[in-house]
Amino acid sequence: MALNPLHVATLRWYQALDGGELKVGNSPFGLAFDGTHIWVANFVSDNVTKIRCMDGADLGSIAVNRAPIAVAFDGSHIWVANNGSDSVTKLRASDGTVAGNFPVGSAPISVAFDGSSVWVANSKGDSVTKLRASDGANLGNFSVGSSPQGLAFDGTHIWVTNNSGNTATKLRASDGATAGTYAVGNSPTGIAFDGANIWVANHGSDSVTKLRAADGANLGNFPAGSFPTGVAFDGAAIWITNSGADSVTKLRASDAANLGNFPVGRSPRAVAFDGMHVWIANTNSDSLSKR
């Protein structure tokens, strides 16, 4: 960005965003932070975009398989769930080189890393697939509830939201054994862990459910905006994307007090925290918002 005197005077060393948004590919659905960059899965473009968090610079887009919908970082590589090709792509985070493509179940929709393995939720297979992160070897396919959607790791277990079952399933990460299934709200989608509790976005009931991770006890159901979809934790607060309201809701994690509702782009889906800011993927604006 060419700096003019106004940019210098107002300390605008970052890339200015058009209307508060940064354009990416078509229909961004998934986000992941790698310590320096935000990676964006562009569902219609069949690629992922790498954004430098410091200044919003677009470092390029990398082609993957059909309909990429979610991304996760394993410490050295980015894993991309390709919803339209029943596969995941492994990219080297340093330069975007494709390190492999691996088959999973039907219509993969989310991906998470547990420290050694990558987990993939197969939305049309009522299952999750566990892959060894080092080489993509399939370590098992495990049954969960109906239409699994979101994934989160709590340090010991993988949690899965079951969109058509109105439940969340807890799997032991070591062997995929089911440790419990718990009722949440209607049509749960996104899920996040706050260090002690699991938060679930209930797309069909405009709410989030807070579950105690240790035993799945329901600690409350709290209002969000219209059609909540994605969830992220920033160290103190829970952020929820409201895809039907073009907004995000911020809740204090300790007691779920509403700390504000903030406008973003159209149909926000995924949300990620980079250590300083929250990034939101606006699916119908082909953009990111940063707060």
Protein backbone atom coordinates (compact mmCIF):
# COMPACT_ATOMS: atom_id res chain seq x y z
CA MET A 1 0.00 0.00 0.00
CA ALA A 2 1.39 3.42 -0.94
CA LEU A 3 1.45 5.61 2.15
CA ASN A 4 0.36 9.25 2.02
CA PRO A 5 0.86 11.83 4.84
CA LEU A 6 -2.58 11.05 6.29
CA HIS A 7 -1.70 7.36 6.64
CA VAL A 8 1.51 8.30 8.44
CA ALA A 9 -0.20 10.79 10.75
CA THR A 10 -2.89 8.29 11.75
CA LEU A 11 -0.39 5.41 12.15
CA ARG A 12 -2.09 3.38 9.46
CA TRP A 13 0.77 1.03 8.71
CA TYR A 14 -1.65 -1.74 7.83
CA GLN A 15 -3.50 -2.35 4.59
CA ALA A 16 -6.70 -0.32 4.54
CA LEU A 17 -9.79 -2.48 4.24
CA ASP A 18 -12.52 -1.55 1.77
CA GLY A 19 -15.56 -0.84 3.91
CA GLY A 20 -13.93 -2.56 6.86
CA GLU A 21 -13.57 -5.79 4.89
CA LEU A 22 -10.72 -7.58 3.15
CA LYS A 23 -11.63 -9.33 -0.08
CA VAL A 24 -10.68 -12.98 -0.49
CA GLY A 25 -11.99 -15.78 -2.71
CA ASN A 26 -15.56 -16.78 -3.49
CA SER A 27 -17.68 -17.91 -0.52
CA PRO A 28 -15.12 -18.09 2.29
CA PHE A 29 -16.28 -20.70 4.81
CA GLY A 30 -13.33 -21.78 6.96
CA LEU A 31 -10.53 -20.02 8.86
CA ALA A 32 -7.36 -21.08 10.67
CA PHE A 33 -4.48 -19.17 12.29
CA ASP A 34 -0.93 -20.51 11.93
CA GLY A 35 0.84 -18.14 14.33
CA THR A 36 1.44 -15.48 11.70
CA HIS A 37 -1.20 -15.89 8.99
CA ILE A 38 -4.90 -16.47 8.58
CA TRP A 39 -5.82 -19.17 6.08
CA VAL A 40 -9.19 -18.97 4.35
CA ALA A 41 -11.07 -21.82 2.66
CA ASN A 42 -12.90 -20.40 -0.36
CA PHE A 43 -15.73 -22.84 -1.09
CA VAL A 44 -16.63 -21.75 -4.61
CA SER A 45 -13.09 -20.84 -5.74
CA ASP A 46 -11.65 -24.29 -4.90
CA ASN A 47 -8.69 -22.66 -3.20
CA VAL A 48 -7.35 -21.32 0.07
CA THR A 49 -6.01 -17.81 0.61
CA LYS A 50 -3.12 -16.93 2.93
CA ILE A 51 -3.41 -13.55 4.67
CA ARG A 52 -0.63 -11.96 6.75
CA CYS A 53 -2.29 -10.90 10.00
CA MET A 54 0.08 -8.00 10.67
CA ASP A 55 -1.04 -5.93 7.71
CA GLY A 56 -3.75 -7.89 5.89
CA ALA A 57 -1.49 -8.57 2.92
CA ASP A 58 -2.79 -11.23 0.54
CA LEU A 59 0.10 -13.68 0.10
CA GLY A 60 -1.65 -15.72 -2.55
CA SER A 61 -4.19 -18.46 -3.09
CA ILE A 62 -3.43 -22.16 -3.46
CA ALA A 63 -5.61 -24.53 -5.47
CA VAL A 64 -6.97 -27.54 -3.57
CA ASN A 65 -9.74 -30.02 -4.34
CA ARG A 66 -13.42 -29.25 -4.82
CA ALA A 67 -15.39 -27.10 -2.39
CA PRO A 68 -12.91 -26.45 0.43
CA ILE A 69 -14.94 -25.68 3.54
CA ALA A 70 -12.68 -25.85 6.60
CA VAL A 71 -9.02 -25.53 7.57
CA ALA A 72 -6.83 -26.42 10.55
CA PHE A 73 -3.15 -25.93 11.47
CA ASP A 74 -1.00 -28.74 12.89
CA GLY A 75 2.11 -26.75 13.76
CA SER A 76 3.71 -27.00 10.33
CA HIS A 77 0.96 -27.76 7.81
CA ILE A 78 -2.53 -26.56 6.93
CA TRP A 79 -5.20 -29.22 6.47
CA VAL A 80 -8.13 -28.43 4.18
CA ALA A 81 -11.45 -30.31 4.20
CA ASN A 82 -12.70 -30.56 0.61
CA ASN A 83 -16.46 -31.00 0.89
CA GLY A 84 -16.97 -31.76 -2.80
CA SER A 85 -14.26 -34.38 -3.23
CA ASP A 86 -14.42 -36.43 0.01
CA SER A 87 -10.81 -35.59 0.74
CA VAL A 88 -8.43 -33.44 2.73
CA THR A 89 -5.45 -31.58 1.34
CA LYS A 90 -2.26 -31.05 3.35
CA LEU A 91 -0.35 -27.85 2.58
CA ARG A 92 3.05 -26.79 3.89
CA ALA A 93 2.27 -23.58 5.78
CA SER A 94 5.60 -21.95 4.97
CA ASP A 95 5.05 -21.85 1.22
CA GLY A 96 1.72 -23.52 0.38
CA THR A 97 3.25 -26.55 -1.28
CA VAL A 98 0.78 -29.43 -1.51
CA ALA A 99 2.11 -32.24 0.72
CA GLY A 100 -0.67 -34.70 0.01
CA ASN A 101 -4.34 -35.40 -0.64
CA PHE A 102 -6.05 -38.06 1.47
CA PRO A 103 -9.49 -39.68 1.19
CA VAL A 104 -11.91 -39.37 4.09
CA GLY A 105 -15.66 -39.91 4.45
CA SER A 106 -18.59 -38.40 2.60
CA ALA A 107 -18.82 -34.60 2.44
CA PRO A 108 -16.15 -33.57 4.98
CA ILE A 109 -17.18 -30.34 6.65
CA SER A 110 -14.72 -29.59 9.46
CA VAL A 111 -11.22 -30.46 10.57
CA ALA A 112 -9.29 -30.28 13.87
CA PHE A 113 -5.82 -31.18 15.18
CA ASP A 114 -5.24 -32.94 18.52
CA GLY A 115 -1.46 -32.64 18.77
CA SER A 116 -0.64 -35.71 16.70
CA SER A 117 -3.68 -36.55 14.57
CA VAL A 118 -6.07 -34.70 12.31
CA TRP A 119 -9.80 -35.32 12.74
CA VAL A 120 -12.35 -34.78 9.97
CA ALA A 121 -16.14 -34.66 10.38
CA ASN A 122 -17.94 -36.35 7.48
CA SER A 123 -21.31 -34.64 7.30
CA LYS A 124 -22.99 -37.25 5.09
CA GLY A 125 -21.33 -40.26 6.66
CA ASP A 126 -22.35 -39.77 10.30
CA SER A 127 -18.71 -40.38 11.12
CA VAL A 128 -15.36 -38.80 11.83
CA THR A 129 -12.04 -39.86 10.29
CA LYS A 130 -8.74 -39.79 12.19
CA LEU A 131 -5.58 -39.27 10.14
CA ARG A 132 -1.98 -39.40 11.34
CA ALA A 133 -0.70 -35.88 10.78
CA SER A 134 2.81 -36.96 9.82
CA ASP A 135 1.78 -38.96 6.75
CA GLY A 136 -2.01 -38.88 6.40
CA ALA A 137 -2.43 -42.55 7.28
CA ASN A 138 -6.02 -43.44 8.18
CA LEU A 139 -6.15 -44.37 11.88
CA GLY A 140 -9.86 -45.10 11.91
CA ASN A 141 -13.40 -44.03 11.10
CA PHE A 142 -15.69 -43.58 14.09
CA SER A 143 -19.47 -43.32 14.22
CA VAL A 144 -21.02 -40.25 15.80
CA GLY A 145 -24.48 -38.70 15.58
CA SER A 146 -26.49 -37.60 12.58
CA SER A 147 -24.91 -35.04 10.23
CA PRO A 148 -21.74 -34.17 12.16
CA GLN A 149 -20.62 -30.59 11.66
CA GLY A 150 -18.14 -28.94 14.03
CA LEU A 151 -15.05 -30.30 15.81
CA ALA A 152 -13.10 -29.15 18.86
CA PHE A 153 -10.27 -30.67 20.93
CA ASP A 154 -10.24 -30.22 24.71
CA GLY A 155 -6.79 -31.64 25.39
CA THR A 156 -8.03 -35.21 25.80
CA HIS A 157 -11.22 -35.58 23.80
CA ILE A 158 -12.60 -34.61 20.41
CA TRP A 159 -16.06 -33.03 20.51
CA VAL A 160 -18.42 -33.27 17.53
CA THR A 161 -21.67 -31.40 16.94
CA ASN A 162 -24.40 -33.54 15.36
CA ASN A 163 -26.51 -31.14 13.34
CA SER A 164 -29.53 -33.39 12.77
CA GLY A 165 -29.37 -35.01 16.18
CA ASN A 166 -29.28 -31.83 18.31
CA THR A 167 -26.41 -33.33 20.28
CA ALA A 168 -22.67 -33.17 20.82
CA THR A 169 -20.59 -36.34 20.97
CA LYS A 170 -17.39 -36.64 23.02
CA LEU A 171 -14.75 -39.06 21.68
CA ARG A 172 -11.57 -40.15 23.40
CA ALA A 173 -8.84 -38.85 21.11
CA SER A 174 -6.48 -41.72 21.85
CA ASP A 175 -8.74 -44.41 20.37
CA GLY A 176 -11.98 -42.81 19.15
CA ALA A 177 -14.11 -44.44 21.85
CA THR A 178 -17.36 -42.61 22.61
CA ALA A 179 -17.19 -40.99 26.06
CA GLY A 180 -20.66 -39.45 25.95
CA THR A 181 -23.36 -37.77 23.91
CA TYR A 182 -25.10 -34.68 25.24
CA ALA A 183 -28.20 -32.73 24.27
CA VAL A 184 -27.68 -29.16 23.05
CA GLY A 185 -29.89 -26.80 21.05
CA ASN A 186 -31.42 -27.18 17.61
CA SER A 187 -29.15 -27.84 14.62
CA PRO A 188 -25.77 -27.37 16.32
CA THR A 189 -22.93 -26.27 14.04
CA GLY A 190 -19.79 -24.58 15.38
CA ILE A 191 -18.03 -25.63 18.58
CA ALA A 192 -15.12 -24.29 20.66
CA PHE A 193 -13.25 -25.08 23.90
CA ASP A 194 -12.43 -22.34 26.43
CA GLY A 195 -10.03 -24.27 28.65
CA ALA A 196 -12.76 -25.72 30.85
CA ASN A 197 -16.00 -25.70 28.89
CA ILE A 198 -17.37 -26.50 25.46
CA TRP A 199 -19.46 -23.91 23.61
CA VAL A 200 -21.88 -24.96 20.86
CA ALA A 201 -23.61 -22.68 18.35
CA ASN A 202 -27.21 -23.81 17.86
CA HIS A 203 -28.04 -22.65 14.35
CA GLY A 204 -31.72 -23.55 14.67
CA SER A 205 -32.43 -22.01 18.06
CA ASP A 206 -30.44 -18.74 17.95
CA SER A 207 -28.46 -19.72 21.00
CA VAL A 208 -25.23 -21.18 22.32
CA THR A 209 -24.97 -24.03 24.81
CA LYS A 210 -22.20 -24.19 27.41
CA LEU A 211 -21.19 -27.72 28.47
CA ARG A 212 -18.70 -28.59 31.17
CA ALA A 213 -15.99 -30.49 29.31
CA ALA A 214 -15.24 -32.82 32.20
CA ASP A 215 -18.67 -34.44 32.29
CA GLY A 216 -20.88 -32.79 29.66
CA ALA A 217 -23.09 -31.08 32.24
CA ASN A 218 -25.23 -28.34 30.70
CA LEU A 219 -24.18 -25.02 32.25
CA GLY A 220 -26.71 -22.98 30.34
CA ASN A 221 -28.20 -21.96 27.03
CA PHE A 222 -27.62 -18.33 26.08
CA PRO A 223 -29.10 -16.14 23.34
CA ALA A 224 -27.04 -15.24 20.29
CA GLY A 225 -28.08 -13.62 17.03
CA SER A 226 -29.98 -15.07 14.10
CA PHE A 227 -28.64 -18.43 12.86
CA PRO A 228 -25.42 -18.64 14.88
CA THR A 229 -22.83 -20.70 13.03
CA GLY A 230 -19.20 -20.32 14.11
CA VAL A 231 -17.62 -20.08 17.56
CA ALA A 232 -14.16 -19.03 18.79
CA PHE A 233 -12.51 -18.28 22.14
CA ASP A 234 -10.16 -15.28 22.53
CA GLY A 235 -8.81 -16.06 25.99
CA ALA A 236 -11.59 -14.30 27.84
CA ALA A 237 -14.65 -14.13 25.60
CA ILE A 238 -16.60 -16.33 23.22
CA TRP A 239 -17.32 -14.95 19.74
CA ILE A 240 -20.27 -16.25 17.72
CA THR A 241 -20.99 -15.51 14.07
CA ASN A 242 -24.66 -14.85 13.36
CA SER A 243 -25.09 -15.82 9.71
CA GLY A 244 -28.67 -14.58 9.58
CA ALA A 245 -27.94 -11.20 11.17
CA ASP A 246 -24.63 -10.18 9.54
CA SER A 247 -23.13 -9.75 12.98
CA VAL A 248 -20.99 -11.33 15.68
CA THR A 249 -21.91 -11.67 19.34
CA LYS A 250 -19.30 -11.46 22.11
CA LEU A 251 -20.05 -13.28 25.38
CA ARG A 252 -17.92 -13.25 28.52
CA ALA A 253 -16.81 -16.84 28.93
CA SER A 254 -17.07 -16.88 32.72
CA ASP A 255 -20.78 -16.08 32.91
CA ALA A 256 -21.99 -15.65 29.30
CA ALA A 257 -22.78 -11.96 29.82
CA ASN A 258 -23.36 -10.27 26.46
CA LEU A 259 -20.48 -7.88 25.78
CA GLY A 260 -21.82 -6.65 22.49
CA ASN A 261 -23.16 -7.40 19.04
CA PHE A 262 -21.08 -6.07 16.17
CA PRO A 263 -21.88 -5.72 12.46
CA VAL A 264 -19.68 -7.54 9.95
CA GLY A 265 -20.11 -8.61 6.33
CA ARG A 266 -22.89 -10.68 4.81
CA SER A 267 -23.60 -14.16 6.15
CA PRO A 268 -20.62 -14.55 8.50
CA ARG A 269 -19.66 -18.20 9.06
CA ALA A 270 -16.23 -19.00 10.48
CA VAL A 271 -14.41 -17.05 13.18
CA ALA A 272 -10.79 -17.31 14.38
CA PHE A 273 -8.59 -15.52 16.93
CA ASP A 274 -4.99 -14.55 16.11
CA GLY A 275 -3.82 -13.58 19.59
CA MET A 276 -4.87 -9.97 19.16
CA HIS A 277 -7.82 -9.79 16.80
CA VAL A 278 -10.83 -11.81 15.79
CA TRP A 279 -11.25 -12.61 12.10
CA ILE A 280 -14.62 -13.41 10.53
CA ALA A 281 -15.30 -15.05 7.17
CA ASN A 282 -18.24 -13.37 5.43
CA THR A 283 -19.49 -15.99 3.01
CA ASN A 284 -21.84 -13.84 0.95
CA SER A 285 -19.46 -10.85 0.84
CA ASP A 286 -16.41 -12.85 -0.31
CA SER A 287 -14.52 -11.07 2.47
CA LEU A 288 -13.00 -11.11 5.93
CA SER A 289 -13.76 -8.75 8.78
CA LYS A 290 -11.22 -8.04 11.55
CA ARG A 291 -12.19 -6.86 15.02
